[in-house]
Amino acid sequence: MVDAADRLRAAEEALFCEAVLRKGGDNVLRATLRDAPVVAWSHYPPGDVYDPASGGQWYYHCHIPAAEAEHGHFHCFVRPNGKDGPVHHLIAVGVDAYGRLQRLFTVNQWVVGDSWLDAEASIALLERFDIEMPQPDYLTNRWLTAIHRLYADEIADLIRQRDATLTARQAPGGAPIREDRTLEVTSELRVDLPSTLQALRQ
């Protein structure tokens, strides 16, 4: 459990990052894409972002057409044994076309092709996601880290829901459930950053 004071600091940091970017006419999405043409399924930035100190890693991509108001999402991972070790998906962070937080969600294994860990082992890695890198944008990296801190308890619940969804669902034809292409999103939560901060300040 993350205490209220830590959550408040994380919310303030995330909104601070957004405010500084906005002063320069930027946001976390623009700072990630820069002037690159948006191509569905491509990773932005190329080669992903990896912090060798924490093992945290992320990339952004989008689907075309976009899902409702969501432009795309940041897929967030941890490599606990270093860059050449196994990679474990934690959460996806969906944003709209202005880089505003929309939702948090988990995905089936086939979506990202990570090395699978069950819920509690995945949750134990959450605090490892800490990106302090200058590329592609330091503020975006700190924003993503703050989102993980702020919503750590909710992300843990989503990861547990992910496993519950997989357990409850029978794959068509008896195929392994984590390879079931008809099941992509395994849990999700709509979130609003300013509203979360307001609630924490009450």
C-alpha atoms as a PDB file:
ATOM      1  CA  MET A   1       0.000   0.000   0.000  1.00  0.00           C
ATOM      2  CA  VAL A   2       1.198   3.511  -0.858  1.00  0.00           C
ATOM      3  CA  ASP A   3       0.397   6.051   1.853  1.00  0.00           C
ATOM      4  CA  ALA A   4      -1.572   9.219   1.128  1.00  0.00           C
ATOM      5  CA  ALA A   5       1.431  11.521   1.492  1.00  0.00           C
ATOM      6  CA  ASP A   6       3.421   9.592  -1.122  1.00  0.00           C
ATOM      7  CA  ARG A   7       0.431   9.558  -3.451  1.00  0.00           C
ATOM      8  CA  LEU A   8      -0.005  13.298  -3.055  1.00  0.00           C
ATOM      9  CA  ARG A   9       3.653  13.941  -3.871  1.00  0.00           C
ATOM     10  CA  ALA A  10       3.397  11.722  -6.942  1.00  0.00           C
ATOM     11  CA  ALA A  11       0.250  13.480  -8.171  1.00  0.00           C
ATOM     12  CA  GLU A  12       1.873  16.876  -7.689  1.00  0.00           C
ATOM     13  CA  GLU A  13       4.997  15.730  -9.535  1.00  0.00           C
ATOM     14  CA  ALA A  14       2.997  14.395 -12.477  1.00  0.00           C
ATOM     15  CA  LEU A  15       1.044  17.633 -12.796  1.00  0.00           C
ATOM     16  CA  PHE A  16       4.239  19.663 -12.374  1.00  0.00           C
ATOM     17  CA  CYS A  17       5.789  17.797 -15.302  1.00  0.00           C
ATOM     18  CA  GLU A  18       2.690  18.522 -17.374  1.00  0.00           C
ATOM     19  CA  ALA A  19       2.777  22.213 -16.419  1.00  0.00           C
ATOM     20  CA  VAL A  20       6.433  22.660 -17.371  1.00  0.00           C
ATOM     21  CA  LEU A  21       5.869  20.917 -20.700  1.00  0.00           C
ATOM     22  CA  ARG A  22       2.784  23.058 -21.341  1.00  0.00           C
ATOM     23  CA  LYS A  23       4.779  26.271 -20.775  1.00  0.00           C
ATOM     24  CA  GLY A  24       6.856  25.273 -23.800  1.00  0.00           C
ATOM     25  CA  GLY A  25       3.796  24.330 -25.849  1.00  0.00           C
ATOM     26  CA  ASP A  26       4.477  20.646 -25.273  1.00  0.00           C
ATOM     27  CA  ASN A  27       2.972  17.599 -23.569  1.00  0.00           C
ATOM     28  CA  VAL A  28       4.092  14.047 -22.809  1.00  0.00           C
ATOM     29  CA  LEU A  29       2.807  12.780 -26.161  1.00  0.00           C
ATOM     30  CA  ARG A  30       4.398  15.497 -28.320  1.00  0.00           C
ATOM     31  CA  ALA A  31       7.634  15.187 -26.355  1.00  0.00           C
ATOM     32  CA  THR A  32       7.674  11.461 -27.142  1.00  0.00           C
ATOM     33  CA  LEU A  33       6.740  11.629 -30.817  1.00  0.00           C
ATOM     34  CA  ARG A  34       8.524  14.881 -31.669  1.00  0.00           C
ATOM     35  CA  ASP A  35       8.017  15.325 -35.395  1.00  0.00           C
ATOM     36  CA  ALA A  36       7.982  11.630 -36.244  1.00  0.00           C
ATOM     37  CA  PRO A  37       5.120  10.462 -38.461  1.00  0.00           C
ATOM     38  CA  VAL A  38       2.649   8.419 -36.454  1.00  0.00           C
ATOM     39  CA  VAL A  39       2.637   4.839 -37.721  1.00  0.00           C
ATOM     40  CA  ALA A  40       0.383   2.290 -36.044  1.00  0.00           C
ATOM     41  CA  TRP A  41       2.197  -0.311 -33.938  1.00  0.00           C
ATOM     42  CA  SER A  42       5.572   1.418 -34.289  1.00  0.00           C
ATOM     43  CA  HIS A  43       7.567   1.972 -31.094  1.00  0.00           C
ATOM     44  CA  TYR A  44       8.314   5.536 -30.028  1.00  0.00           C
ATOM     45  CA  PRO A  45      11.066   6.343 -29.447  1.00  0.00           C
ATOM     46  CA  PRO A  46      12.807   3.778 -31.694  1.00  0.00           C
ATOM     47  CA  GLY A  47      14.574   1.208 -29.541  1.00  0.00           C
ATOM     48  CA  ASP A  48      12.414   2.045 -26.488  1.00  0.00           C
ATOM     49  CA  VAL A  49      13.533   3.876 -23.338  1.00  0.00           C
ATOM     50  CA  TYR A  50      15.562   1.841 -20.844  1.00  0.00           C
ATOM     51  CA  ASP A  51      17.083   2.934 -17.545  1.00  0.00           C
ATOM     52  CA  PRO A  52      20.035   0.664 -16.687  1.00  0.00           C
ATOM     53  CA  ALA A  53      19.964   1.705 -13.024  1.00  0.00           C
ATOM     54  CA  SER A  54      16.375   0.616 -12.349  1.00  0.00           C
ATOM     55  CA  GLY A  55      15.689  -1.800 -15.197  1.00  0.00           C
ATOM     56  CA  GLY A  56      12.606   0.235 -16.099  1.00  0.00           C
ATOM     57  CA  GLN A  57      11.624   0.335 -19.766  1.00  0.00           C
ATOM     58  CA  TRP A  58       8.820   1.812 -21.835  1.00  0.00           C
ATOM     59  CA  TYR A  59       7.654   2.541 -25.339  1.00  0.00           C
ATOM     60  CA  TYR A  60       4.688   4.363 -26.804  1.00  0.00           C
ATOM     61  CA  HIS A  61       2.539   3.171 -29.644  1.00  0.00           C
ATOM     62  CA  CYS A  62      -0.906   3.688 -31.067  1.00  0.00           C
ATOM     63  CA  HIS A  63      -3.553   1.820 -32.952  1.00  0.00           C
ATOM     64  CA  ILE A  64      -5.284   3.194 -36.032  1.00  0.00           C
ATOM     65  CA  PRO A  65      -8.124   3.924 -35.813  1.00  0.00           C
ATOM     66  CA  ALA A  66      -7.686   5.178 -32.272  1.00  0.00           C
ATOM     67  CA  ALA A  67      -9.812   3.652 -29.522  1.00  0.00           C
ATOM     68  CA  GLU A  68     -12.454   6.274 -28.689  1.00  0.00           C
ATOM     69  CA  ALA A  69     -10.650   9.339 -27.285  1.00  0.00           C
ATOM     70  CA  GLU A  70      -7.402   7.485 -26.698  1.00  0.00           C
ATOM     71  CA  HIS A  71      -4.540   8.330 -29.042  1.00  0.00           C
ATOM     72  CA  GLY A  72      -2.277   5.535 -27.813  1.00  0.00           C
ATOM     73  CA  HIS A  73      -0.499   4.212 -24.773  1.00  0.00           C
ATOM     74  CA  PHE A  74       2.797   3.805 -22.992  1.00  0.00           C
ATOM     75  CA  HIS A  75       3.674   0.147 -22.360  1.00  0.00           C
ATOM     76  CA  CYS A  76       5.739  -0.054 -19.180  1.00  0.00           C
ATOM     77  CA  PHE A  77       8.098  -2.880 -18.233  1.00  0.00           C
ATOM     78  CA  VAL A  78      10.852  -3.843 -15.824  1.00  0.00           C
ATOM     79  CA  ARG A  79      13.967  -5.869 -16.614  1.00  0.00           C
ATOM     80  CA  PRO A  80      15.073  -6.861 -13.074  1.00  0.00           C
ATOM     81  CA  ASN A  81      18.191  -8.691 -14.279  1.00  0.00           C
ATOM     82  CA  GLY A  82      19.459  -6.026 -16.648  1.00  0.00           C
ATOM     83  CA  LYS A  83      19.021  -5.194 -20.315  1.00  0.00           C
ATOM     84  CA  ASP A  84      19.776  -8.717 -21.536  1.00  0.00           C
ATOM     85  CA  GLY A  85      17.514 -10.367 -18.961  1.00  0.00           C
ATOM     86  CA  PRO A  86      13.800 -11.157 -19.159  1.00  0.00           C
ATOM     87  CA  VAL A  87      11.348  -8.278 -19.553  1.00  0.00           C
ATOM     88  CA  HIS A  88       8.073  -8.137 -17.613  1.00  0.00           C
ATOM     89  CA  HIS A  89       5.086  -5.980 -18.558  1.00  0.00           C
ATOM     90  CA  LEU A  90       3.517  -4.034 -15.699  1.00  0.00           C
ATOM     91  CA  ILE A  91       0.881  -1.678 -17.076  1.00  0.00           C
ATOM     92  CA  ALA A  92      -0.180   0.334 -20.105  1.00  0.00           C
ATOM     93  CA  VAL A  93      -0.887   4.046 -19.663  1.00  0.00           C
ATOM     94  CA  GLY A  94      -3.392   5.422 -22.165  1.00  0.00           C
ATOM     95  CA  VAL A  95      -3.431   9.093 -23.166  1.00  0.00           C
ATOM     96  CA  ASP A  96      -5.479  11.251 -25.511  1.00  0.00           C
ATOM     97  CA  ALA A  97      -4.165  13.311 -28.412  1.00  0.00           C
ATOM     98  CA  TYR A  98      -3.102  16.049 -25.964  1.00  0.00           C
ATOM     99  CA  GLY A  99      -1.152  13.681 -23.723  1.00  0.00           C
ATOM    100  CA  ARG A 100      -3.801  13.698 -20.986  1.00  0.00           C
ATOM    101  CA  LEU A 101      -4.084  10.556 -18.898  1.00  0.00           C
ATOM    102  CA  GLN A 102      -7.123   8.449 -19.839  1.00  0.00           C
ATOM    103  CA  ARG A 103      -6.772   4.954 -18.432  1.00  0.00           C
ATOM    104  CA  LEU A 104      -4.533   2.255 -16.998  1.00  0.00           C
ATOM    105  CA  PHE A 105      -4.842  -1.278 -18.317  1.00  0.00           C
ATOM    106  CA  THR A 106      -3.210  -4.693 -18.472  1.00  0.00           C
ATOM    107  CA  VAL A 107      -2.877  -6.906 -21.514  1.00  0.00           C
ATOM    108  CA  ASN A 108      -2.643 -10.563 -22.369  1.00  0.00           C
ATOM    109  CA  GLN A 109       0.859 -11.959 -22.843  1.00  0.00           C
ATOM    110  CA  TRP A 110       0.661 -12.265 -26.636  1.00  0.00           C
ATOM    111  CA  VAL A 111       0.136  -8.491 -26.937  1.00  0.00           C
ATOM    112  CA  VAL A 112       3.638  -7.580 -25.739  1.00  0.00           C
ATOM    113  CA  GLY A 113       5.435 -10.946 -25.819  1.00  0.00           C
ATOM    114  CA  ASP A 114       7.026 -10.458 -22.410  1.00  0.00           C
ATOM    115  CA  SER A 115       8.349 -13.071 -20.005  1.00  0.00           C
ATOM    116  CA  TRP A 116       5.307 -13.948 -17.953  1.00  0.00           C
ATOM    117  CA  LEU A 117       5.120 -13.454 -14.212  1.00  0.00           C
ATOM    118  CA  ASP A 118       2.054 -14.154 -12.113  1.00  0.00           C
ATOM    119  CA  ALA A 119       0.365 -11.285 -10.311  1.00  0.00           C
ATOM    120  CA  GLU A 120       2.246 -11.101  -7.016  1.00  0.00           C
ATOM    121  CA  ALA A 121       5.659 -11.438  -8.666  1.00  0.00           C
ATOM    122  CA  SER A 122       4.698  -8.697 -11.136  1.00  0.00           C
ATOM    123  CA  ILE A 123       3.416  -6.431  -8.363  1.00  0.00           C
ATOM    124  CA  ALA A 124       6.711  -6.834  -6.499  1.00  0.00           C
ATOM    125  CA  LEU A 125       8.422  -5.142  -9.471  1.00  0.00           C
ATOM    126  CA  LEU A 126       6.251  -2.013  -9.480  1.00  0.00           C
ATOM    127  CA  GLU A 127       8.565   0.019  -7.262  1.00  0.00           C
ATOM    128  CA  ARG A 128      11.447  -0.778  -9.621  1.00  0.00           C
ATOM    129  CA  PHE A 129       9.881   1.299 -12.412  1.00  0.00           C
ATOM    130  CA  ASP A 130      11.873   4.519 -12.081  1.00  0.00           C
ATOM    131  CA  ILE A 131      13.037   6.207 -15.278  1.00  0.00           C
ATOM    132  CA  GLU A 132      15.725   8.850 -14.899  1.00  0.00           C
ATOM    133  CA  MET A 133      16.922   9.272 -18.461  1.00  0.00           C
ATOM    134  CA  PRO A 134      17.289  12.380 -20.633  1.00  0.00           C
ATOM    135  CA  GLN A 135      15.851  10.784 -23.789  1.00  0.00           C
ATOM    136  CA  PRO A 136      13.429  11.262 -25.357  1.00  0.00           C
ATOM    137  CA  ASP A 137      12.337  13.748 -22.694  1.00  0.00           C
ATOM    138  CA  TYR A 138      13.245  13.891 -18.999  1.00  0.00           C
ATOM    139  CA  LEU A 139       9.883  15.319 -17.923  1.00  0.00           C
ATOM    140  CA  THR A 140       7.975  12.559 -19.723  1.00  0.00           C
ATOM    141  CA  ASN A 141      10.123   9.958 -17.992  1.00  0.00           C
ATOM    142  CA  ARG A 142       9.433  11.536 -14.602  1.00  0.00           C
ATOM    143  CA  TRP A 143       5.725  11.816 -15.435  1.00  0.00           C
ATOM    144  CA  LEU A 144       5.495   8.099 -16.164  1.00  0.00           C
ATOM    145  CA  THR A 145       7.378   7.293 -12.969  1.00  0.00           C
ATOM    146  CA  ALA A 146       5.018   9.520 -10.968  1.00  0.00           C
ATOM    147  CA  ILE A 147       1.966   7.831 -12.516  1.00  0.00           C
ATOM    148  CA  HIS A 148       3.308   4.479 -11.318  1.00  0.00           C
ATOM    149  CA  ARG A 149       3.793   5.851  -7.799  1.00  0.00           C
ATOM    150  CA  LEU A 150       0.442   7.598  -7.674  1.00  0.00           C
ATOM    151  CA  TYR A 151      -1.607   4.653  -8.886  1.00  0.00           C
ATOM    152  CA  ALA A 152       0.548   1.837  -7.482  1.00  0.00           C
ATOM    153  CA  ASP A 153      -2.313   0.302  -5.499  1.00  0.00           C
ATOM    154  CA  GLU A 154      -4.695   0.538  -8.439  1.00  0.00           C
ATOM    155  CA  ILE A 155      -2.094  -0.976 -10.765  1.00  0.00           C
ATOM    156  CA  ALA A 156      -1.588  -3.854  -8.315  1.00  0.00           C
ATOM    157  CA  ASP A 157      -5.345  -4.464  -8.339  1.00  0.00           C
ATOM    158  CA  LEU A 158      -5.397  -4.384 -12.144  1.00  0.00           C
ATOM    159  CA  ILE A 159      -2.604  -6.960 -12.313  1.00  0.00           C
ATOM    160  CA  ARG A 160      -4.551  -9.227  -9.958  1.00  0.00           C
ATOM    161  CA  GLN A 161      -7.661  -8.715 -12.107  1.00  0.00           C
ATOM    162  CA  ARG A 162      -5.570  -9.647 -15.152  1.00  0.00           C
ATOM    163  CA  ASP A 163      -4.798 -13.040 -13.659  1.00  0.00           C
ATOM    164  CA  ALA A 164      -8.395 -13.505 -12.527  1.00  0.00           C
ATOM    165  CA  THR A 165      -9.610 -12.767 -16.066  1.00  0.00           C
ATOM    166  CA  LEU A 166      -7.227 -15.328 -17.521  1.00  0.00           C
ATOM    167  CA  THR A 167      -8.198 -17.940 -14.934  1.00  0.00           C
ATOM    168  CA  ALA A 168     -11.912 -17.448 -15.553  1.00  0.00           C
ATOM    169  CA  ARG A 169     -11.771 -17.533 -19.333  1.00  0.00           C
ATOM    170  CA  GLN A 170     -11.564 -20.681 -21.384  1.00  0.00           C
ATOM    171  CA  ALA A 171      -9.556 -20.188 -24.569  1.00  0.00           C
ATOM    172  CA  PRO A 172     -11.317 -21.208 -27.809  1.00  0.00           C
ATOM    173  CA  GLY A 173     -10.364 -24.706 -28.862  1.00  0.00           C
ATOM    174  CA  GLY A 174      -8.439 -25.248 -25.666  1.00  0.00           C
ATOM    175  CA  ALA A 175      -5.512 -23.049 -26.826  1.00  0.00           C
ATOM    176  CA  PRO A 176      -3.286 -21.608 -24.125  1.00  0.00           C
ATOM    177  CA  ILE A 177      -5.171 -18.629 -22.712  1.00  0.00           C
ATOM    178  CA  ARG A 178      -2.145 -16.296 -22.804  1.00  0.00           C
ATOM    179  CA  GLU A 179      -1.969 -16.836 -26.573  1.00  0.00           C
ATOM    180  CA  ASP A 180      -5.696 -16.238 -27.144  1.00  0.00           C
ATOM    181  CA  ARG A 181      -5.813 -13.495 -29.802  1.00  0.00           C
ATOM    182  CA  THR A 182      -9.457 -12.769 -28.983  1.00  0.00           C
ATOM    183  CA  LEU A 183      -8.420 -11.537 -25.535  1.00  0.00           C
ATOM    184  CA  GLU A 184      -6.275  -8.395 -25.549  1.00  0.00           C
ATOM    185  CA  VAL A 185      -7.165  -6.128 -22.606  1.00  0.00           C
ATOM    186  CA  THR A 186      -7.458  -8.114 -19.379  1.00  0.00           C
ATOM    187  CA  SER A 187      -8.327  -5.291 -16.951  1.00  0.00           C
ATOM    188  CA  GLU A 188      -8.648  -1.523 -17.091  1.00  0.00           C
ATOM    189  CA  LEU A 189      -9.376   1.544 -15.005  1.00  0.00           C
ATOM    190  CA  ARG A 190     -10.399   4.994 -16.213  1.00  0.00           C
ATOM    191  CA  VAL A 191      -8.431   7.677 -14.394  1.00  0.00           C
ATOM    192  CA  ASP A 192      -8.308  11.461 -14.306  1.00  0.00           C
ATOM    193  CA  LEU A 193      -5.168  13.039 -12.903  1.00  0.00           C
ATOM    194  CA  PRO A 194      -6.573  16.428 -11.751  1.00  0.00           C
ATOM    195  CA  SER A 195      -9.512  14.688 -10.051  1.00  0.00           C
ATOM    196  CA  THR A 196      -7.166  12.298  -8.290  1.00  0.00           C
ATOM    197  CA  LEU A 197      -5.115  15.204  -6.966  1.00  0.00           C
ATOM    198  CA  GLN A 198      -8.239  17.020  -5.807  1.00  0.00           C
ATOM    199  CA  ALA A 199      -9.410  13.934  -3.911  1.00  0.00           C
ATOM    200  CA  LEU A 200      -6.024  13.531  -2.237  1.00  0.00           C
ATOM    201  CA  ARG A 201      -6.073  17.156  -1.055  1.00  0.00           C
ATOM    202  CA  GLN A 202      -9.469  16.863   0.625  1.00  0.00           C
END
